[in-house]
Amino acid sequence: SCSTVANVSLGARGCLVASQRHGVQSTFIEGITVRHVVDTVGCGDAYAAGVLWALAQGAHPVCAARIGQACGAATASSVGATVMDDGGLQMLQWTV
């Protein structure tokens, strides 16, 4: 597992993940396109929650960032900081 991970959200543009295993490796991950953005409230929190959950499950930092992106993108498809509606759940399922 990585001893150090830095994860920077760039909003809809994507994110940057840097990890230290055998030297520092950084990866840019392009953002997920959301067809019908309803509300961006809570998207960053959902992103962080997805990343942290995935890391706690032992996921690679890049995979964790992708899961976080999917959570943030799915949250944008519903009003407020709600978990998501059925459309968001379907997008999350197919994205990850």
N, C-alpha and C. Protein backbone atom coordinates (compact mmCIF):
# COMPACT_ATOMS: atom_id res chain seq x y z
N SER A 1 0.83 -1.19 0.00
CA SER A 1 0.00 0.00 0.00
C SER A 1 0.88 1.25 0.00
N CYS A 2 0.31 2.35 -0.39
CA CYS A 2 1.06 3.61 -0.47
C CYS A 2 1.20 4.22 0.91
N SER A 3 2.34 4.80 1.19
CA SER A 3 2.53 5.44 2.48
C SER A 3 1.98 6.86 2.47
N THR A 4 1.98 7.50 1.32
CA THR A 4 1.51 8.88 1.23
C THR A 4 0.68 9.04 -0.04
N VAL A 5 -0.50 9.66 0.11
CA VAL A 5 -1.36 9.92 -1.04
C VAL A 5 -1.86 11.36 -0.94
N ALA A 6 -1.77 12.09 -2.04
CA ALA A 6 -2.36 13.43 -2.14
C ALA A 6 -3.36 13.40 -3.28
N ASN A 7 -4.53 13.94 -3.03
CA ASN A 7 -5.61 13.90 -4.00
C ASN A 7 -6.20 15.30 -4.10
N VAL A 8 -6.15 15.89 -5.29
CA VAL A 8 -6.64 17.25 -5.48
C VAL A 8 -7.78 17.23 -6.49
N SER A 9 -8.96 17.65 -6.05
CA SER A 9 -10.10 17.74 -6.94
C SER A 9 -9.99 19.01 -7.78
N LEU A 10 -10.29 18.88 -9.05
CA LEU A 10 -10.32 20.02 -9.96
C LEU A 10 -11.75 20.25 -10.45
N GLY A 11 -12.71 19.82 -9.65
CA GLY A 11 -14.11 19.98 -10.02
C GLY A 11 -14.45 19.16 -11.24
N ALA A 12 -15.23 19.73 -12.12
CA ALA A 12 -15.66 19.03 -13.32
C ALA A 12 -14.51 18.68 -14.26
N ARG A 13 -13.37 19.36 -14.10
CA ARG A 13 -12.22 19.08 -14.97
C ARG A 13 -11.54 17.77 -14.65
N GLY A 14 -11.69 17.27 -13.43
CA GLY A 14 -11.06 16.01 -13.05
C GLY A 14 -10.35 16.11 -11.72
N CYS A 15 -9.27 15.37 -11.59
CA CYS A 15 -8.51 15.40 -10.34
C CYS A 15 -7.06 15.00 -10.60
N LEU A 16 -6.23 15.29 -9.63
CA LEU A 16 -4.83 14.94 -9.68
C LEU A 16 -4.53 14.08 -8.46
N VAL A 17 -3.91 12.93 -8.69
CA VAL A 17 -3.56 12.01 -7.63
C VAL A 17 -2.05 11.84 -7.62
N ALA A 18 -1.44 12.02 -6.47
CA ALA A 18 -0.01 11.77 -6.33
C ALA A 18 0.16 10.76 -5.20
N SER A 19 0.97 9.75 -5.44
CA SER A 19 1.21 8.74 -4.43
C SER A 19 2.70 8.41 -4.38
N GLN A 20 3.12 7.95 -3.22
CA GLN A 20 4.52 7.60 -3.03
C GLN A 20 4.60 6.13 -2.69
N ARG A 21 5.15 5.38 -3.57
CA ARG A 21 5.38 3.96 -3.32
C ARG A 21 6.86 3.71 -3.58
N HIS A 22 7.26 3.72 -4.83
CA HIS A 22 8.67 3.63 -5.23
C HIS A 22 8.99 4.93 -5.95
N GLY A 23 9.07 6.00 -5.20
CA GLY A 23 9.19 7.33 -5.79
C GLY A 23 7.81 7.94 -5.91
N VAL A 24 7.75 9.18 -6.31
CA VAL A 24 6.46 9.86 -6.42
C VAL A 24 5.89 9.66 -7.82
N GLN A 25 4.63 9.26 -7.87
CA GLN A 25 3.92 9.09 -9.13
C GLN A 25 2.69 9.99 -9.09
N SER A 26 2.47 10.73 -10.16
CA SER A 26 1.27 11.57 -10.21
C SER A 26 0.47 11.22 -11.46
N THR A 27 -0.85 11.29 -11.31
CA THR A 27 -1.75 10.93 -12.39
C THR A 27 -2.87 11.95 -12.46
N PHE A 28 -3.14 12.46 -13.66
CA PHE A 28 -4.30 13.30 -13.89
C PHE A 28 -5.42 12.41 -14.40
N ILE A 29 -6.61 12.55 -13.82
CA ILE A 29 -7.77 11.79 -14.26
C ILE A 29 -8.82 12.78 -14.75
N GLU A 30 -9.19 12.64 -16.00
CA GLU A 30 -10.18 13.54 -16.60
C GLU A 30 -11.52 13.39 -15.90
N GLY A 31 -12.26 14.48 -15.82
CA GLY A 31 -13.57 14.48 -15.15
C GLY A 31 -14.60 13.66 -15.90
N ILE A 32 -15.64 13.30 -15.18
CA ILE A 32 -16.76 12.54 -15.75
C ILE A 32 -17.80 13.54 -16.27
N THR A 33 -18.26 13.34 -17.47
CA THR A 33 -19.29 14.22 -18.04
C THR A 33 -20.65 13.86 -17.46
N VAL A 34 -21.30 14.86 -16.90
CA VAL A 34 -22.66 14.67 -16.37
C VAL A 34 -23.60 15.34 -17.35
N ARG A 35 -24.49 14.57 -17.94
CA ARG A 35 -25.38 15.10 -18.99
C ARG A 35 -26.36 16.14 -18.46
N HIS A 36 -26.92 15.90 -17.29
CA HIS A 36 -27.93 16.80 -16.75
C HIS A 36 -27.55 17.20 -15.33
N VAL A 37 -26.73 18.24 -15.23
CA VAL A 37 -26.34 18.74 -13.91
C VAL A 37 -27.53 19.46 -13.31
N VAL A 38 -27.96 19.03 -12.12
CA VAL A 38 -29.09 19.62 -11.44
C VAL A 38 -28.59 20.57 -10.35
N ASP A 39 -27.61 20.12 -9.57
CA ASP A 39 -27.13 20.90 -8.44
C ASP A 39 -25.75 20.37 -8.05
N THR A 40 -24.81 21.27 -7.84
CA THR A 40 -23.46 20.83 -7.48
C THR A 40 -23.20 20.85 -5.97
N VAL A 41 -24.22 21.21 -5.17
CA VAL A 41 -24.05 21.21 -3.72
C VAL A 41 -23.76 19.79 -3.25
N GLY A 42 -22.70 19.61 -2.53
CA GLY A 42 -22.35 18.31 -1.97
C GLY A 42 -21.48 17.44 -2.86
N CYS A 43 -21.20 17.88 -4.08
CA CYS A 43 -20.40 17.06 -4.99
C CYS A 43 -18.98 16.83 -4.46
N GLY A 44 -18.37 17.87 -3.94
CA GLY A 44 -17.02 17.72 -3.39
C GLY A 44 -17.00 16.81 -2.18
N ASP A 45 -18.01 16.92 -1.34
CA ASP A 45 -18.10 16.03 -0.18
C ASP A 45 -18.29 14.58 -0.61
N ALA A 46 -19.14 14.37 -1.62
CA ALA A 46 -19.36 13.01 -2.13
C ALA A 46 -18.08 12.46 -2.74
N TYR A 47 -17.34 13.32 -3.45
CA TYR A 47 -16.05 12.92 -4.03
C TYR A 47 -15.11 12.47 -2.93
N ALA A 48 -14.96 13.29 -1.89
CA ALA A 48 -14.05 12.95 -0.79
C ALA A 48 -14.48 11.67 -0.10
N ALA A 49 -15.78 11.52 0.13
CA ALA A 49 -16.28 10.31 0.79
C ALA A 49 -15.98 9.07 -0.04
N GLY A 50 -16.18 9.16 -1.35
CA GLY A 50 -15.88 8.02 -2.23
C GLY A 50 -14.41 7.66 -2.22
N VAL A 51 -13.55 8.67 -2.27
CA VAL A 51 -12.10 8.42 -2.23
C VAL A 51 -11.71 7.76 -0.92
N LEU A 52 -12.15 8.33 0.18
CA LEU A 52 -11.78 7.79 1.49
C LEU A 52 -12.32 6.38 1.70
N TRP A 53 -13.56 6.14 1.28
CA TRP A 53 -14.14 4.81 1.40
C TRP A 53 -13.30 3.80 0.61
N ALA A 54 -12.97 4.15 -0.63
CA ALA A 54 -12.22 3.22 -1.48
C ALA A 54 -10.82 2.96 -0.91
N LEU A 55 -10.15 4.01 -0.42
CA LEU A 55 -8.83 3.81 0.18
C LEU A 55 -8.93 2.91 1.41
N ALA A 56 -9.98 3.09 2.20
CA ALA A 56 -10.17 2.25 3.40
C ALA A 56 -10.41 0.79 3.03
N GLN A 57 -10.94 0.57 1.81
CA GLN A 57 -11.16 -0.80 1.33
C GLN A 57 -9.90 -1.39 0.71
N GLY A 58 -8.83 -0.59 0.63
CA GLY A 58 -7.56 -1.08 0.07
C GLY A 58 -7.37 -0.80 -1.40
N ALA A 59 -8.21 0.06 -1.97
CA ALA A 59 -8.10 0.36 -3.40
C ALA A 59 -6.82 1.14 -3.71
N HIS A 60 -6.32 0.98 -4.92
CA HIS A 60 -5.20 1.78 -5.41
C HIS A 60 -5.65 3.24 -5.44
N PRO A 61 -4.77 4.20 -5.16
CA PRO A 61 -5.18 5.61 -5.12
C PRO A 61 -5.87 6.10 -6.40
N VAL A 62 -5.45 5.64 -7.57
CA VAL A 62 -6.09 6.08 -8.81
C VAL A 62 -7.51 5.51 -8.91
N CYS A 63 -7.67 4.26 -8.53
CA CYS A 63 -9.00 3.65 -8.52
C CYS A 63 -9.90 4.36 -7.51
N ALA A 64 -9.34 4.68 -6.36
CA ALA A 64 -10.11 5.40 -5.33
C ALA A 64 -10.57 6.75 -5.85
N ALA A 65 -9.71 7.44 -6.58
CA ALA A 65 -10.09 8.74 -7.15
C ALA A 65 -11.21 8.59 -8.17
N ARG A 66 -11.18 7.54 -8.96
CA ARG A 66 -12.24 7.31 -9.94
C ARG A 66 -13.57 7.03 -9.25
N ILE A 67 -13.53 6.28 -8.17
CA ILE A 67 -14.75 6.03 -7.41
C ILE A 67 -15.27 7.34 -6.82
N GLY A 68 -14.36 8.15 -6.29
CA GLY A 68 -14.76 9.46 -5.77
C GLY A 68 -15.38 10.34 -6.84
N GLN A 69 -14.78 10.32 -8.03
CA GLN A 69 -15.34 11.11 -9.13
C GLN A 69 -16.74 10.64 -9.48
N ALA A 70 -16.95 9.34 -9.51
CA ALA A 70 -18.27 8.80 -9.82
C ALA A 70 -19.29 9.22 -8.77
N CYS A 71 -18.90 9.22 -7.51
CA CYS A 71 -19.80 9.65 -6.44
C CYS A 71 -20.15 11.13 -6.58
N GLY A 72 -19.15 11.95 -6.86
CA GLY A 72 -19.40 13.39 -7.04
C GLY A 72 -20.27 13.66 -8.25
N ALA A 73 -19.99 12.97 -9.35
CA ALA A 73 -20.78 13.17 -10.57
C ALA A 73 -22.22 12.72 -10.37
N ALA A 74 -22.41 11.60 -9.69
CA ALA A 74 -23.76 11.11 -9.45
C ALA A 74 -24.55 12.07 -8.56
N THR A 75 -23.87 12.69 -7.60
CA THR A 75 -24.54 13.64 -6.71
C THR A 75 -25.03 14.86 -7.49
N ALA A 76 -24.33 15.24 -8.55
CA ALA A 76 -24.73 16.41 -9.35
C ALA A 76 -26.04 16.19 -10.08
N SER A 77 -26.50 14.95 -10.15
CA SER A 77 -27.72 14.67 -10.89
C SER A 77 -28.99 14.81 -10.06
N SER A 78 -28.85 15.23 -8.78
CA SER A 78 -30.04 15.40 -7.95
C SER A 78 -29.94 16.71 -7.16
N VAL A 79 -31.05 17.17 -6.64
CA VAL A 79 -31.12 18.45 -5.94
C VAL A 79 -30.52 18.33 -4.54
N GLY A 80 -29.69 19.30 -4.17
CA GLY A 80 -29.11 19.34 -2.84
C GLY A 80 -28.04 18.29 -2.64
N ALA A 81 -27.65 18.14 -1.41
CA ALA A 81 -26.58 17.19 -1.08
C ALA A 81 -27.16 15.82 -0.78
N THR A 82 -28.13 15.41 -1.57
CA THR A 82 -28.74 14.09 -1.39
C THR A 82 -27.82 13.04 -1.99
N VAL A 83 -28.06 11.81 -1.60
CA VAL A 83 -27.21 10.73 -2.09
C VAL A 83 -27.31 10.67 -3.61
N MET A 84 -28.48 10.46 -4.15
CA MET A 84 -28.73 10.51 -5.58
C MET A 84 -30.06 9.87 -5.90
N ASP A 85 -30.56 10.16 -7.09
CA ASP A 85 -31.79 9.53 -7.53
C ASP A 85 -31.43 8.27 -8.34
N ASP A 86 -32.44 7.61 -8.92
CA ASP A 86 -32.19 6.39 -9.68
C ASP A 86 -31.24 6.61 -10.85
N GLY A 87 -31.37 7.75 -11.52
CA GLY A 87 -30.47 8.06 -12.64
C GLY A 87 -29.03 8.16 -12.18
N GLY A 88 -28.83 8.78 -11.04
CA GLY A 88 -27.48 8.90 -10.48
C GLY A 88 -26.91 7.55 -10.09
N LEU A 89 -27.76 6.69 -9.53
CA LEU A 89 -27.30 5.35 -9.17
C LEU A 89 -26.88 4.56 -10.39
N GLN A 90 -27.63 4.68 -11.47
CA GLN A 90 -27.28 3.97 -12.70
C GLN A 90 -25.97 4.50 -13.26
N MET A 91 -25.76 5.82 -13.24
CA MET A 91 -24.52 6.38 -13.74
C MET A 91 -23.34 5.90 -12.89
N LEU A 92 -23.51 5.87 -11.59
CA LEU A 92 -22.46 5.41 -10.69
C LEU A 92 -22.10 3.95 -10.99
N GLN A 93 -23.10 3.13 -11.21
CA GLN A 93 -22.87 1.72 -11.48
C GLN A 93 -22.07 1.54 -12.77
N TRP A 94 -22.39 2.27 -13.82
CA TRP A 94 -21.72 2.08 -15.10
C TRP A 94 -20.38 2.80 -15.18
N THR A 95 -20.17 3.78 -14.33
CA THR A 95 -18.91 4.54 -14.35
C THR A 95 -17.79 3.77 -13.67
N VAL A 96 -18.11 3.16 -12.56
CA VAL A 96 -17.09 2.45 -11.78
C VAL A 96 -17.01 1.07 -12.30
